[in-house]
Amino acid sequence: MDSSEVTQASNFVEGVDKAFIVILGISFVFLIGLTVVMIYFVFKYNKKRNPKATQIKGSTTLEIIWTVVPFLLTMVMFYYGWAGWKPMQKAPEDAMEITVIGRMWNFTFEYENGKRTDTLFLPKDQAIKLNLLAMDVLHSLYIPAFRVKQDMVPGLENNSMWFEPQKEGVYELYCAEYCGLQHSYMYSYVKVMPEAAFTDWLVDTTQVANDVLESPTATGKRIMQNIGCFACHSLDGSKLVGPSFKGVWGTERTVKTGKEMRQVMADEEYIKSSIYDPNADLVDGFGKGLMLTYEGQLSEEDIGNIIEYLKTVK
């Protein structure tokens, strides 16, 4: 992808870049100007040239100039920043809405027809509104080529961002807020397509058909990959954020339920409870609040497929 594609990838590029250039330009003028004046004063008023200090009177005119001029320059910077920021605040009424779910450590994108992906697919020249949901800690959705970034705050309602993709291509998308151990893995892509191609992709049922033909074990593994399970749970017995999946199925687990320590069998009910209510039975050695519920995001069928996969992790 060449630089020309990146610089005008969305409708906000021009406004943001203009504000950046104005602020950077003024900053450089002051940096260079003050440095030159400082060096000039060092030579002009050094001790050899002025062995005896002389008292000078203040200048009201000079005071006014160096108060008013910086104020006006600050207002210029404010204006360009505000002009670039203001249009971002309200999405058009006809914007296509996509829900973005952020959790440690991946993004999931859910479309209006229920289709879910881990890559953001978008139609060119159509307003897009992203509804942002953080399921665990603070994240920040950042698409550099579009010049848009928005924090994703757990529990914050009506949190969204919008833009209009204006060039076809593939662009980077990642989390710009340090969110834990594998923050750098929270990385994905935006693919902008012609509207007709996007519509064909959105209504394509091939993936659904493939899911039906795919074995429950393979489907379960794919679901777990898509929702980021393997970022927190290892498959080789090593300890990460959560307990390892290795050999979990059919074994007894020492868990803390409330204040009581007890032994439970890792069966269907235990796996389902661990996914829908992860803080109910805490595996010994792991703290509360490390995982939030997936209830409403995973169906009973999804849970069944996950269980079939976990049975194979020996």
Foldseek 3Di string as FASTA:
>chain_A
DDPVCLQPFWPLSVLVVVLVCLVVVVVVCCVVVVVVVVVVCCVCVPCVNPVDDDDDDDDPVVVCVVVVVVVVSVVVSVVSVCVSPVVWPDFDPPAFEWEWEAEVAEIWIAGPVGDIDREAEEEAFGKHKYHYEYQAAKWKKDFNSHPDIFIHHHPDPPGITMIGGHHFDKTKIATPDDDDDPRVVHIHIYGYDHPVVVVCVVPDCVVVVVLVVDDLQVLLVVVCVSVVVCSQEPLPQDHGLAGHLAPQAQDWFFWQAPNDTDIDGRYLVNLQCCQAPVQRTHTPPHDPRSDGHCVVPADPSSSVSNRVNSVPSD
